[in-house]
Protein backbone atom coordinates (compact mmCIF):
# COMPACT_ATOMS: atom_id res chain seq x y z
CA UNK A 1 0.00 0.00 0.00
CA UNK A 2 2.87 2.38 0.68
CA UNK A 3 4.11 1.84 -2.86
CA UNK A 4 0.68 2.48 -4.39
CA UNK A 5 0.05 5.61 -2.35
CA UNK A 6 3.43 7.15 -3.14
CA UNK A 7 3.18 6.24 -6.83
CA UNK A 8 -0.23 7.94 -7.04
CA UNK A 9 1.18 10.99 -5.24
CA UNK A 10 4.16 11.01 -7.63
CA UNK A 11 1.88 10.81 -10.68
CA UNK A 12 -0.33 13.64 -9.43
CA UNK A 13 2.68 15.81 -8.56
CA UNK A 14 4.23 15.10 -11.97
CA UNK A 15 1.02 16.03 -13.78
CA UNK A 16 0.80 19.29 -11.83
CA UNK A 17 4.48 20.01 -12.54
CA UNK A 18 4.01 19.26 -16.25
CA UNK A 19 0.99 21.53 -16.49
CA UNK A 20 2.74 24.37 -14.64
CA UNK A 21 6.18 23.88 -16.28
CA UNK A 22 6.71 27.39 -17.69
CA UNK A 23 6.05 28.94 -14.26
CA UNK A 24 8.44 27.19 -11.87
CA UNK A 25 7.85 29.57 -8.98
CA UNK A 26 6.06 26.99 -6.81
CA UNK A 27 8.75 24.32 -7.38
CA UNK A 28 6.40 21.45 -8.21
CA UNK A 29 9.34 19.55 -9.70
CA UNK A 30 10.89 19.25 -6.25
CA UNK A 31 7.68 17.72 -4.91
CA UNK A 32 7.45 15.30 -7.83
CA UNK A 33 11.07 14.21 -7.39
CA UNK A 34 10.56 13.58 -3.67
CA UNK A 35 7.57 11.36 -4.38
CA UNK A 36 9.33 9.50 -7.20
CA UNK A 37 12.28 8.90 -4.88
CA UNK A 38 9.95 7.51 -2.22
CA UNK A 39 8.25 5.34 -4.85
CA UNK A 40 11.58 3.87 -5.94
CA UNK A 41 12.46 3.22 -2.30
CA UNK A 42 9.17 1.36 -1.67
CA UNK A 43 9.57 -0.57 -4.95
CA UNK A 44 12.99 -1.85 -3.89
CA UNK A 45 11.51 -2.71 -0.49
CA UNK A 46 8.72 -4.67 -2.22
CA UNK A 47 11.24 -6.61 -4.32
CA UNK A 48 13.20 -7.66 -1.25
CA UNK A 49 10.04 -8.49 0.68
CA UNK A 50 8.79 -10.62 -2.21
CA UNK A 51 12.14 -12.42 -2.34
CA UNK A 52 11.78 -13.17 1.36
CA UNK A 53 8.08 -14.11 1.52
CA UNK A 54 7.37 -15.50 -1.93
CA UNK A 55 3.67 -15.97 -2.74
CA UNK A 56 2.64 -14.83 0.76
CA UNK A 57 3.60 -11.30 -0.31
CA UNK A 58 0.34 -11.08 -2.29
CA UNK A 59 -1.93 -12.05 0.62
CA UNK A 60 -1.24 -9.54 3.39
CA UNK A 61 -3.21 -9.40 6.61
CA UNK A 62 -5.77 -6.62 7.02
CA UNK A 63 -3.80 -5.10 9.89
CA UNK A 64 -0.64 -5.04 7.75
CA UNK A 65 -2.50 -3.29 4.94
CA UNK A 66 -3.85 -0.71 7.37
CA UNK A 67 -0.38 -0.07 8.80
CA UNK A 68 1.09 0.22 5.29
CA UNK A 69 -1.66 2.64 4.27
CA UNK A 70 -1.01 4.77 7.33
CA UNK A 71 2.72 4.77 6.59
CA UNK A 72 2.10 5.73 2.95
CA UNK A 73 -0.12 8.64 3.96
CA UNK A 74 2.50 9.76 6.50
CA UNK A 75 5.16 9.72 3.79
CA UNK A 76 2.98 11.82 1.49
CA UNK A 77 2.25 14.27 4.32
CA UNK A 78 5.93 14.51 5.22
CA UNK A 79 6.77 15.21 1.57
CA UNK A 80 4.22 18.04 1.54
CA UNK A 81 5.64 19.47 4.76
CA UNK A 82 9.20 19.41 3.42
CA UNK A 83 8.01 21.02 0.17
CA UNK A 84 6.16 23.77 2.06
CA UNK A 85 9.21 24.47 4.24
CA UNK A 86 11.35 24.80 1.12
CA UNK A 87 8.76 27.22 -0.29
CA UNK A 88 8.86 29.29 2.90
CA UNK A 89 12.64 29.42 2.77
CA UNK A 90 12.82 30.32 -0.95
CA UNK A 91 9.71 32.57 -0.79
CA UNK A 92 9.26 32.56 -4.59
CA UNK A 93 6.43 35.09 -4.66
CA UNK A 94 7.82 37.33 -1.91
CA UNK A 95 4.75 36.93 0.30
CA UNK A 96 6.66 36.35 3.55
CA UNK A 97 9.06 39.20 2.81
CA UNK A 98 6.15 41.58 2.19
CA UNK A 99 4.43 40.48 5.39
CA UNK A 100 7.58 40.96 7.45
CA UNK A 101 8.25 44.37 5.94
CA UNK A 102 4.65 45.43 6.54
CA UNK A 103 4.89 44.38 10.20
CA UNK A 104 8.19 46.15 10.71
CA UNK A 105 6.96 49.47 9.23
PDB file of N, CA and C in Angstrom:
ATOM      1  N   UNK A   1       0.824  -1.201   0.000  1.00  0.00           N
ATOM      2  CA  UNK A   1       0.000   0.000   0.000  1.00  0.00           C
ATOM      3  C   UNK A   1       0.867   1.263   0.000  1.00  0.00           C
ATOM      4  N   UNK A   2       2.006   1.201   0.678  1.00  0.00           N
ATOM      5  CA  UNK A   2       2.869   2.384   0.677  1.00  0.00           C
ATOM      6  C   UNK A   2       3.341   2.693  -0.732  1.00  0.00           C
ATOM      7  N   UNK A   3       3.668   1.645  -1.478  1.00  0.00           N
ATOM      8  CA  UNK A   3       4.111   1.839  -2.860  1.00  0.00           C
ATOM      9  C   UNK A   3       3.004   2.462  -3.701  1.00  0.00           C
ATOM     10  N   UNK A   4       1.790   1.942  -3.594  1.00  0.00           N
ATOM     11  CA  UNK A   4       0.683   2.482  -4.392  1.00  0.00           C
ATOM     12  C   UNK A   4       0.382   3.937  -4.044  1.00  0.00           C
ATOM     13  N   UNK A   5       0.371   4.246  -2.776  1.00  0.00           N
ATOM     14  CA  UNK A   5       0.051   5.607  -2.347  1.00  0.00           C
ATOM     15  C   UNK A   5       1.112   6.591  -2.830  1.00  0.00           C
ATOM     16  N   UNK A   6       2.384   6.222  -2.696  1.00  0.00           N
ATOM     17  CA  UNK A   6       3.431   7.149  -3.137  1.00  0.00           C
ATOM     18  C   UNK A   6       3.507   7.248  -4.652  1.00  0.00           C
ATOM     19  N   UNK A   7       3.204   6.161  -5.366  1.00  0.00           N
ATOM     20  CA  UNK A   7       3.180   6.240  -6.834  1.00  0.00           C
ATOM     21  C   UNK A   7       2.051   7.156  -7.294  1.00  0.00           C
ATOM     22  N   UNK A   8       0.881   7.037  -6.683  1.00  0.00           N
ATOM     23  CA  UNK A   8      -0.225   7.941  -7.042  1.00  0.00           C
ATOM     24  C   UNK A   8       0.128   9.390  -6.732  1.00  0.00           C
ATOM     25  N   UNK A   9       0.762   9.626  -5.585  1.00  0.00           N
ATOM     26  CA  UNK A   9       1.185  10.988  -5.238  1.00  0.00           C
ATOM     27  C   UNK A   9       2.224  11.493  -6.238  1.00  0.00           C
ATOM     28  N   UNK A  10       3.137  10.622  -6.656  1.00  0.00           N
ATOM     29  CA  UNK A  10       4.158  11.012  -7.631  1.00  0.00           C
ATOM     30  C   UNK A  10       3.528  11.338  -8.982  1.00  0.00           C
ATOM     31  N   UNK A  11       2.550  10.550  -9.399  1.00  0.00           N
ATOM     32  CA  UNK A  11       1.880  10.811 -10.682  1.00  0.00           C
ATOM     33  C   UNK A  11       1.131  12.129 -10.639  1.00  0.00           C
ATOM     34  N   UNK A  12       0.417  12.381  -9.560  1.00  0.00           N
ATOM     35  CA  UNK A  12      -0.326  13.645  -9.428  1.00  0.00           C
ATOM     36  C   UNK A  12       0.634  14.832  -9.403  1.00  0.00           C
ATOM     37  N   UNK A  13       1.706  14.720  -8.630  1.00  0.00           N
ATOM     38  CA  UNK A  13       2.679  15.811  -8.563  1.00  0.00           C
ATOM     39  C   UNK A  13       3.345  16.042  -9.914  1.00  0.00           C
ATOM     40  N   UNK A  14       3.619  14.966 -10.646  1.00  0.00           N
ATOM     41  CA  UNK A  14       4.227  15.099 -11.966  1.00  0.00           C
ATOM     42  C   UNK A  14       3.275  15.763 -12.949  1.00  0.00           C
ATOM     43  N   UNK A  15       2.004  15.397 -12.900  1.00  0.00           N
ATOM     44  CA  UNK A  15       1.020  16.031 -13.785  1.00  0.00           C
ATOM     45  C   UNK A  15       0.886  17.524 -13.485  1.00  0.00           C
ATOM     46  N   UNK A  16       0.869  17.872 -12.211  1.00  0.00           N
ATOM     47  CA  UNK A  16       0.801  19.290 -11.833  1.00  0.00           C
ATOM     48  C   UNK A  16       2.050  20.016 -12.298  1.00  0.00           C
ATOM     49  N   UNK A  17       3.222  19.396 -12.095  1.00  0.00           N
ATOM     50  CA  UNK A  17       4.481  20.011 -12.538  1.00  0.00           C
ATOM     51  C   UNK A  17       4.483  20.195 -14.053  1.00  0.00           C
ATOM     52  N   UNK A  18       4.023  19.188 -14.784  1.00  0.00           N
ATOM     53  CA  UNK A  18       4.014  19.257 -16.252  1.00  0.00           C
ATOM     54  C   UNK A  18       3.078  20.356 -16.750  1.00  0.00           C
ATOM     55  N   UNK A  19       1.944  20.493 -16.086  1.00  0.00           N
ATOM     56  CA  UNK A  19       0.986  21.532 -16.491  1.00  0.00           C
ATOM     57  C   UNK A  19       1.514  22.926 -16.172  1.00  0.00           C
ATOM     58  N   UNK A  20       2.247  23.061 -15.079  1.00  0.00           N
ATOM     59  CA  UNK A  20       2.742  24.367 -14.640  1.00  0.00           C
ATOM     60  C   UNK A  20       4.209  24.601 -15.018  1.00  0.00           C
ATOM     61  N   UNK A  21       4.756  23.837 -15.963  1.00  0.00           N
ATOM     62  CA  UNK A  21       6.184  23.884 -16.284  1.00  0.00           C
ATOM     63  C   UNK A  21       6.731  25.274 -16.586  1.00  0.00           C
ATOM     64  N   UNK A  22       6.096  26.088 -17.412  1.00  0.00           N
ATOM     65  CA  UNK A  22       6.715  27.393 -17.691  1.00  0.00           C
ATOM     66  C   UNK A  22       6.896  28.257 -16.442  1.00  0.00           C
ATOM     67  N   UNK A  23       5.965  28.165 -15.504  1.00  0.00           N
ATOM     68  CA  UNK A  23       6.054  28.942 -14.263  1.00  0.00           C
ATOM     69  C   UNK A  23       6.551  28.022 -13.154  1.00  0.00           C
ATOM     70  N   UNK A  24       7.843  28.075 -12.856  1.00  0.00           N
ATOM     71  CA  UNK A  24       8.444  27.186 -11.867  1.00  0.00           C
ATOM     72  C   UNK A  24       8.519  27.833 -10.487  1.00  0.00           C
ATOM     73  N   UNK A  25       7.729  28.846 -10.241  1.00  0.00           N
ATOM     74  CA  UNK A  25       7.849  29.568  -8.977  1.00  0.00           C
ATOM     75  C   UNK A  25       7.434  28.722  -7.767  1.00  0.00           C
ATOM     76  N   UNK A  26       6.507  27.798  -7.944  1.00  0.00           N
ATOM     77  CA  UNK A  26       6.057  26.987  -6.806  1.00  0.00           C
ATOM     78  C   UNK A  26       6.853  25.694  -6.644  1.00  0.00           C
ATOM     79  N   UNK A  27       7.822  25.439  -7.498  1.00  0.00           N
ATOM     80  CA  UNK A  27       8.752  24.324  -7.378  1.00  0.00           C
ATOM     81  C   UNK A  27       8.050  22.971  -7.280  1.00  0.00           C
ATOM     82  N   UNK A  28       7.105  22.723  -8.189  1.00  0.00           N
ATOM     83  CA  UNK A  28       6.399  21.448  -8.213  1.00  0.00           C
ATOM     84  C   UNK A  28       7.327  20.297  -8.588  1.00  0.00           C
ATOM     85  N   UNK A  29       8.385  20.591  -9.331  1.00  0.00           N
ATOM     86  CA  UNK A  29       9.337  19.554  -9.701  1.00  0.00           C
ATOM     87  C   UNK A  29      10.012  18.935  -8.490  1.00  0.00           C
ATOM     88  N   UNK A  30      10.288  19.754  -7.490  1.00  0.00           N
ATOM     89  CA  UNK A  30      10.891  19.253  -6.250  1.00  0.00           C
ATOM     90  C   UNK A  30       9.952  18.269  -5.568  1.00  0.00           C
ATOM     91  N   UNK A  31       8.682  18.608  -5.517  1.00  0.00           N
ATOM     92  CA  UNK A  31       7.682  17.724  -4.908  1.00  0.00           C
ATOM     93  C   UNK A  31       7.584  16.419  -5.681  1.00  0.00           C
ATOM     94  N   UNK A  32       7.549  16.505  -7.005  1.00  0.00           N
ATOM     95  CA  UNK A  32       7.455  15.300  -7.826  1.00  0.00           C
ATOM     96  C   UNK A  32       8.677  14.412  -7.630  1.00  0.00           C
ATOM     97  N   UNK A  33       9.866  15.003  -7.576  1.00  0.00           N
ATOM     98  CA  UNK A  33      11.075  14.207  -7.386  1.00  0.00           C
ATOM     99  C   UNK A  33      11.106  13.532  -6.015  1.00  0.00           C
ATOM    100  N   UNK A  34      10.615  14.208  -4.992  1.00  0.00           N
ATOM    101  CA  UNK A  34      10.565  13.579  -3.667  1.00  0.00           C
ATOM    102  C   UNK A  34       9.657  12.356  -3.689  1.00  0.00           C
ATOM    103  N   UNK A  35       8.500  12.487  -4.330  1.00  0.00           N
ATOM    104  CA  UNK A  35       7.569  11.356  -4.379  1.00  0.00           C
ATOM    105  C   UNK A  35       8.086  10.228  -5.261  1.00  0.00           C
ATOM    106  N   UNK A  36       8.758  10.563  -6.370  1.00  0.00           N
ATOM    107  CA  UNK A  36       9.331   9.500  -7.200  1.00  0.00           C
ATOM    108  C   UNK A  36      10.453   8.789  -6.454  1.00  0.00           C
ATOM    109  N   UNK A  37      11.236   9.531  -5.690  1.00  0.00           N
ATOM    110  CA  UNK A  37      12.278   8.898  -4.879  1.00  0.00           C
ATOM    111  C   UNK A  37      11.690   7.952  -3.847  1.00  0.00           C
ATOM    112  N   UNK A  38      10.619   8.373  -3.194  1.00  0.00           N
ATOM    113  CA  UNK A  38       9.949   7.510  -2.218  1.00  0.00           C
ATOM    114  C   UNK A  38       9.352   6.281  -2.907  1.00  0.00           C
ATOM    115  N   UNK A  39       8.818   6.465  -4.104  1.00  0.00           N
ATOM    116  CA  UNK A  39       8.245   5.339  -4.847  1.00  0.00           C
ATOM    117  C   UNK A  39       9.313   4.315  -5.199  1.00  0.00           C
ATOM    118  N   UNK A  40      10.477   4.783  -5.623  1.00  0.00           N
ATOM    119  CA  UNK A  40      11.577   3.868  -5.937  1.00  0.00           C
ATOM    120  C   UNK A  40      12.017   3.126  -4.680  1.00  0.00           C
ATOM    121  N   UNK A  41      12.073   3.847  -3.564  1.00  0.00           N
ATOM    122  CA  UNK A  41      12.461   3.215  -2.304  1.00  0.00           C
ATOM    123  C   UNK A  41      11.481   2.106  -1.933  1.00  0.00           C
ATOM    124  N   UNK A  42      10.172   2.367  -2.021  1.00  0.00           N
ATOM    125  CA  UNK A  42       9.170   1.356  -1.672  1.00  0.00           C
ATOM    126  C   UNK A  42       9.170   0.212  -2.677  1.00  0.00           C
ATOM    127  N   UNK A  43       9.500   0.498  -3.951  1.00  0.00           N
ATOM    128  CA  UNK A  43       9.570  -0.565  -4.952  1.00  0.00           C
ATOM    129  C   UNK A  43      10.713  -1.535  -4.633  1.00  0.00           C
ATOM    130  N   UNK A  44      11.861  -0.994  -4.273  1.00  0.00           N
ATOM    131  CA  UNK A  44      12.994  -1.846  -3.890  1.00  0.00           C
ATOM    132  C   UNK A  44      12.633  -2.642  -2.640  1.00  0.00           C
ATOM    133  N   UNK A  45      11.953  -2.014  -1.695  1.00  0.00           N
ATOM    134  CA  UNK A  45      11.506  -2.713  -0.491  1.00  0.00           C
ATOM    135  C   UNK A  45      10.564  -3.858  -0.854  1.00  0.00           C
ATOM    136  N   UNK A  46       9.659  -3.632  -1.801  1.00  0.00           N
ATOM    137  CA  UNK A  46       8.717  -4.674  -2.219  1.00  0.00           C
ATOM    138  C   UNK A  46       9.442  -5.836  -2.889  1.00  0.00           C
ATOM    139  N   UNK A  47      10.464  -5.539  -3.670  1.00  0.00           N
ATOM    140  CA  UNK A  47      11.236  -6.608  -4.317  1.00  0.00           C
ATOM    141  C   UNK A  47      11.898  -7.495  -3.266  1.00  0.00           C
ATOM    142  N   UNK A  48      12.531  -6.880  -2.280  1.00  0.00           N
ATOM    143  CA  UNK A  48      13.204  -7.664  -1.249  1.00  0.00           C
ATOM    144  C   UNK A  48      12.202  -8.416  -0.373  1.00  0.00           C
ATOM    145  N   UNK A  49      11.059  -7.803  -0.111  1.00  0.00           N
ATOM    146  CA  UNK A  49      10.041  -8.488   0.685  1.00  0.00           C
ATOM    147  C   UNK A  49       9.469  -9.668  -0.089  1.00  0.00           C
ATOM    148  N   UNK A  50       9.269  -9.504  -1.391  1.00  0.00           N
ATOM    149  CA  UNK A  50       8.786 -10.617  -2.207  1.00  0.00           C
ATOM    150  C   UNK A  50       9.817 -11.747  -2.243  1.00  0.00           C
ATOM    151  N   UNK A  51      11.090 -11.397  -2.343  1.00  0.00           N
ATOM    152  CA  UNK A  51      12.140 -12.417  -2.342  1.00  0.00           C
ATOM    153  C   UNK A  51      12.150 -13.190  -1.030  1.00  0.00           C
ATOM    154  N   UNK A  52      11.789 -12.527   0.047  1.00  0.00           N
ATOM    155  CA  UNK A  52      11.783 -13.168   1.363  1.00  0.00           C
ATOM    156  C   UNK A  52      10.521 -14.005   1.580  1.00  0.00           C
ATOM    157  N   UNK A  53       9.354 -13.455   1.208  1.00  0.00           N
ATOM    158  CA  UNK A  53       8.083 -14.112   1.517  1.00  0.00           C
ATOM    159  C   UNK A  53       7.558 -15.006   0.406  1.00  0.00           C
ATOM    160  N   UNK A  54       7.904 -14.724  -0.815  1.00  0.00           N
ATOM    161  CA  UNK A  54       7.374 -15.503  -1.934  1.00  0.00           C
ATOM    162  C   UNK A  54       5.917 -15.161  -2.198  1.00  0.00           C
ATOM    163  N   UNK A  55       5.079 -16.177  -2.388  1.00  0.00           N
ATOM    164  CA  UNK A  55       3.669 -15.969  -2.736  1.00  0.00           C
ATOM    165  C   UNK A  55       2.876 -15.324  -1.601  1.00  0.00           C
ATOM    166  N   UNK A  56       3.342 -15.446  -0.373  1.00  0.00           N
ATOM    167  CA  UNK A  56       2.643 -14.825   0.765  1.00  0.00           C
ATOM    168  C   UNK A  56       2.632 -13.303   0.669  1.00  0.00           C
ATOM    169  N   UNK A  57       3.538 -12.750  -0.129  1.00  0.00           N
ATOM    170  CA  UNK A  57       3.604 -11.299  -0.310  1.00  0.00           C
ATOM    171  C   UNK A  57       2.285 -10.748  -0.845  1.00  0.00           C
ATOM    172  N   UNK A  58       1.568 -11.546  -1.650  1.00  0.00           N
ATOM    173  CA  UNK A  58       0.343 -11.075  -2.294  1.00  0.00           C
ATOM    174  C   UNK A  58      -0.912 -11.291  -1.459  1.00  0.00           C
ATOM    175  N   UNK A  59      -0.776 -11.852  -0.264  1.00  0.00           N
ATOM    176  CA  UNK A  59      -1.932 -12.053   0.621  1.00  0.00           C
ATOM    177  C   UNK A  59      -1.632 -11.464   2.000  1.00  0.00           C
ATOM    178  N   UNK A  60      -1.545 -10.142   2.091  1.00  0.00           N
ATOM    179  CA  UNK A  60      -1.238  -9.536   3.394  1.00  0.00           C
ATOM    180  C   UNK A  60      -2.439  -9.562   4.341  1.00  0.00           C
ATOM    181  N   UNK A  61      -2.158  -9.500   5.595  1.00  0.00           N
ATOM    182  CA  UNK A  61      -3.206  -9.402   6.614  1.00  0.00           C
ATOM    183  C   UNK A  61      -3.841  -8.016   6.544  1.00  0.00           C
ATOM    184  N   UNK A  62      -5.074  -7.914   7.026  1.00  0.00           N
ATOM    185  CA  UNK A  62      -5.773  -6.621   7.017  1.00  0.00           C
ATOM    186  C   UNK A  62      -5.046  -5.593   7.875  1.00  0.00           C
ATOM    187  N   UNK A  63      -4.519  -6.025   9.005  1.00  0.00           N
ATOM    188  CA  UNK A  63      -3.800  -5.099   9.888  1.00  0.00           C
ATOM    189  C   UNK A  63      -2.524  -4.588   9.217  1.00  0.00           C
ATOM    190  N   UNK A  64      -1.848  -5.469   8.471  1.00  0.00           N
ATOM    191  CA  UNK A  64      -0.643  -5.036   7.752  1.00  0.00           C
ATOM    192  C   UNK A  64      -0.983  -4.024   6.661  1.00  0.00           C
ATOM    193  N   UNK A  65      -2.090  -4.232   5.986  1.00  0.00           N
ATOM    194  CA  UNK A  65      -2.503  -3.288   4.943  1.00  0.00           C
ATOM    195  C   UNK A  65      -2.858  -1.939   5.547  1.00  0.00           C
ATOM    196  N   UNK A  66      -3.508  -1.959   6.700  1.00  0.00           N
ATOM    197  CA  UNK A  66      -3.854  -0.712   7.371  1.00  0.00           C
ATOM    198  C   UNK A  66      -2.602   0.031   7.820  1.00  0.00           C
ATOM    199  N   UNK A  67      -1.640  -0.688   8.386  1.00  0.00           N
ATOM    200  CA  UNK A  67      -0.379  -0.070   8.797  1.00  0.00           C
ATOM    201  C   UNK A  67       0.378   0.489   7.604  1.00  0.00           C
ATOM    202  N   UNK A  68       0.412  -0.252   6.495  1.00  0.00           N
ATOM    203  CA  UNK A  68       1.093   0.225   5.291  1.00  0.00           C
ATOM    204  C   UNK A  68       0.402   1.456   4.715  1.00  0.00           C
ATOM    205  N   UNK A  69      -0.923   1.471   4.762  1.00  0.00           N
ATOM    206  CA  UNK A  69      -1.659   2.644   4.271  1.00  0.00           C
ATOM    207  C   UNK A  69      -1.347   3.863   5.119  1.00  0.00           C
ATOM    208  N   UNK A  70      -1.331   3.670   6.422  1.00  0.00           N
ATOM    209  CA  UNK A  70      -1.010   4.770   7.328  1.00  0.00           C
ATOM    210  C   UNK A  70       0.402   5.280   7.067  1.00  0.00           C
ATOM    211  N   UNK A  71       1.345   4.381   6.873  1.00  0.00           N
ATOM    212  CA  UNK A  71       2.720   4.770   6.590  1.00  0.00           C
ATOM    213  C   UNK A  71       2.818   5.518   5.262  1.00  0.00           C
ATOM    214  N   UNK A  72       2.093   5.050   4.247  1.00  0.00           N
ATOM    215  CA  UNK A  72       2.097   5.734   2.951  1.00  0.00           C
ATOM    216  C   UNK A  72       1.542   7.145   3.046  1.00  0.00           C
ATOM    217  N   UNK A  73       0.461   7.306   3.791  1.00  0.00           N
ATOM    218  CA  UNK A  73      -0.115   8.642   3.961  1.00  0.00           C
ATOM    219  C   UNK A  73       0.825   9.546   4.758  1.00  0.00           C
ATOM    220  N   UNK A  74       1.517   8.975   5.738  1.00  0.00           N
ATOM    221  CA  UNK A  74       2.497   9.762   6.502  1.00  0.00           C
ATOM    222  C   UNK A  74       3.649  10.216   5.615  1.00  0.00           C
ATOM    223  N   UNK A  75       4.087   9.360   4.704  1.00  0.00           N
ATOM    224  CA  UNK A  75       5.164   9.720   3.787  1.00  0.00           C
ATOM    225  C   UNK A  75       4.717  10.850   2.857  1.00  0.00           C
ATOM    226  N   UNK A  76       3.496  10.768   2.355  1.00  0.00           N
ATOM    227  CA  UNK A  76       2.978  11.824   1.491  1.00  0.00           C
ATOM    228  C   UNK A  76       2.855  13.135   2.263  1.00  0.00           C
ATOM    229  N   UNK A  77       2.367  13.060   3.490  1.00  0.00           N
ATOM    230  CA  UNK A  77       2.252  14.269   4.317  1.00  0.00           C
ATOM    231  C   UNK A  77       3.621  14.859   4.624  1.00  0.00           C
ATOM    232  N   UNK A  78       4.590  14.022   4.938  1.00  0.00           N
ATOM    233  CA  UNK A  78       5.934  14.508   5.224  1.00  0.00           C
ATOM    234  C   UNK A  78       6.543  15.171   3.985  1.00  0.00           C
ATOM    235  N   UNK A  79       6.301  14.596   2.813  1.00  0.00           N
ATOM    236  CA  UNK A  79       6.770  15.214   1.573  1.00  0.00           C
ATOM    237  C   UNK A  79       6.160  16.589   1.371  1.00  0.00           C
ATOM    238  N   UNK A  80       4.877  16.722   1.650  1.00  0.00           N
ATOM    239  CA  UNK A  80       4.224  18.037   1.538  1.00  0.00           C
ATOM    240  C   UNK A  80       4.796  19.036   2.533  1.00  0.00           C
ATOM    241  N   UNK A  81       5.074  18.581   3.750  1.00  0.00           N
ATOM    242  CA  UNK A  81       5.639  19.472   4.763  1.00  0.00           C
ATOM    243  C   UNK A  81       7.028  19.948   4.350  1.00  0.00           C
ATOM    244  N   UNK A  82       7.867  19.030   3.867  1.00  0.00           N
ATOM    245  CA  UNK A  82       9.203  19.413   3.421  1.00  0.00           C
ATOM    246  C   UNK A  82       9.119  20.376   2.245  1.00  0.00           C
ATOM    247  N   UNK A  83       8.202  20.134   1.323  1.00  0.00           N
ATOM    248  CA  UNK A  83       8.014  21.016   0.170  1.00  0.00           C
ATOM    249  C   UNK A  83       7.559  22.406   0.621  1.00  0.00           C
ATOM    250  N   UNK A  84       6.633  22.470   1.579  1.00  0.00           N
ATOM    251  CA  UNK A  84       6.163  23.773   2.063  1.00  0.00           C
ATOM    252  C   UNK A  84       7.274  24.519   2.796  1.00  0.00           C
ATOM    253  N   UNK A  85       8.088  23.814   3.563  1.00  0.00           N
ATOM    254  CA  UNK A  85       9.207  24.470   4.239  1.00  0.00           C
ATOM    255  C   UNK A  85      10.183  25.036   3.222  1.00  0.00           C
ATOM    256  N   UNK A  86      10.450  24.275   2.157  1.00  0.00           N
ATOM    257  CA  UNK A  86      11.351  24.799   1.124  1.00  0.00           C
ATOM    258  C   UNK A  86      10.738  26.015   0.430  1.00  0.00           C
ATOM    259  N   UNK A  87       9.420  26.035   0.285  1.00  0.00           N
ATOM    260  CA  UNK A  87       8.761  27.217  -0.285  1.00  0.00           C
ATOM    261  C   UNK A  87       8.880  28.417   0.651  1.00  0.00           C
ATOM    262  N   UNK A  88       8.722  28.189   1.946  1.00  0.00           N
ATOM    263  CA  UNK A  88       8.856  29.289   2.900  1.00  0.00           C
ATOM    264  C   UNK A  88      10.270  29.844   2.905  1.00  0.00           C
ATOM    265  N   UNK A  89      11.250  28.967   2.775  1.00  0.00           N
ATOM    266  CA  UNK A  89      12.644  29.416   2.766  1.00  0.00           C
ATOM    267  C   UNK A  89      12.948  30.192   1.490  1.00  0.00           C
ATOM    268  N   UNK A  90      12.540  29.661   0.344  1.00  0.00           N
ATOM    269  CA  UNK A  90      12.818  30.319  -0.948  1.00  0.00           C
ATOM    270  C   UNK A  90      11.921  31.540  -1.158  1.00  0.00           C
ATOM    271  N   UNK A  91      10.688  31.497  -0.652  1.00  0.00           N
ATOM    272  CA  UNK A  91       9.706  32.573  -0.786  1.00  0.00           C
ATOM    273  C   UNK A  91       9.632  33.078  -2.234  1.00  0.00           C
ATOM    274  N   UNK A  92       9.204  32.207  -3.173  1.00  0.00           N
ATOM    275  CA  UNK A  92       9.259  32.558  -4.591  1.00  0.00           C
ATOM    276  C   UNK A  92       8.384  33.749  -4.988  1.00  0.00           C
ATOM    277  N   UNK A  93       7.307  33.968  -4.303  1.00  0.00           N
ATOM    278  CA  UNK A  93       6.426  35.086  -4.660  1.00  0.00           C
ATOM    279  C   UNK A  93       6.610  36.290  -3.746  1.00  0.00           C
ATOM    280  N   UNK A  94       7.515  36.210  -2.795  1.00  0.00           N
ATOM    281  CA  UNK A  94       7.815  37.327  -1.911  1.00  0.00           C
ATOM    282  C   UNK A  94       6.740  37.630  -0.894  1.00  0.00           C
ATOM    283  N   UNK A  95       5.866  36.702  -0.621  1.00  0.00           N
ATOM    284  CA  UNK A  95       4.745  36.925   0.303  1.00  0.00           C
ATOM    285  C   UNK A  95       5.246  37.111   1.740  1.00  0.00           C
ATOM    286  N   UNK A  96       6.159  36.266   2.168  1.00  0.00           N
ATOM    287  CA  UNK A  96       6.662  36.346   3.546  1.00  0.00           C
ATOM    288  C   UNK A  96       7.465  37.627   3.728  1.00  0.00           C
ATOM    289  N   UNK A  97       8.256  37.977   2.737  1.00  0.00           N
ATOM    290  CA  UNK A  97       9.057  39.203   2.814  1.00  0.00           C
ATOM    291  C   UNK A  97       8.158  40.434   2.927  1.00  0.00           C
ATOM    292  N   UNK A  98       7.079  40.456   2.133  1.00  0.00           N
ATOM    293  CA  UNK A  98       6.149  41.580   2.194  1.00  0.00           C
ATOM    294  C   UNK A  98       5.468  41.664   3.553  1.00  0.00           C
ATOM    295  N   UNK A  99       5.091  40.502   4.088  1.00  0.00           N
ATOM    296  CA  UNK A  99       4.428  40.478   5.393  1.00  0.00           C
ATOM    297  C   UNK A  99       5.356  40.953   6.493  1.00  0.00           C
ATOM    298  N   UNK A 100       6.613  40.542   6.437  1.00  0.00           N
ATOM    299  CA  UNK A 100       7.577  40.959   7.453  1.00  0.00           C
ATOM    300  C   UNK A 100       7.887  42.450   7.341  1.00  0.00           C
ATOM    301  N   UNK A 101       7.994  42.951   6.128  1.00  0.00           N
ATOM    302  CA  UNK A 101       8.252  44.373   5.944  1.00  0.00           C
ATOM    303  C   UNK A 101       7.066  45.216   6.373  1.00  0.00           C
ATOM    304  N   UNK A 102       5.861  44.712   6.139  1.00  0.00           N
ATOM    305  CA  UNK A 102       4.649  45.430   6.543  1.00  0.00           C
ATOM    306  C   UNK A 102       4.559  45.497   8.063  1.00  0.00           C
ATOM    307  N   UNK A 103       4.908  44.406   8.748  1.00  0.00           N
ATOM    308  CA  UNK A 103       4.890  44.380  10.202  1.00  0.00           C
ATOM    309  C   UNK A 103       5.922  45.307  10.801  1.00  0.00           C
ATOM    310  N   UNK A 104       7.106  45.341  10.180  1.00  0.00           N
ATOM    311  CA  UNK A 104       8.188  46.153  10.708  1.00  0.00           C
ATOM    312  C   UNK A 104       7.990  47.649  10.486  1.00  0.00           C
ATOM    313  N   UNK A 105       7.143  48.044   9.540  1.00  0.00           N
ATOM    314  CA  UNK A 105       6.960  49.469   9.234  1.00  0.00           C
ATOM    315  C   UNK A 105       6.019  50.154  10.153  1.00  0.00           C
TER     316      UNK A 105
END
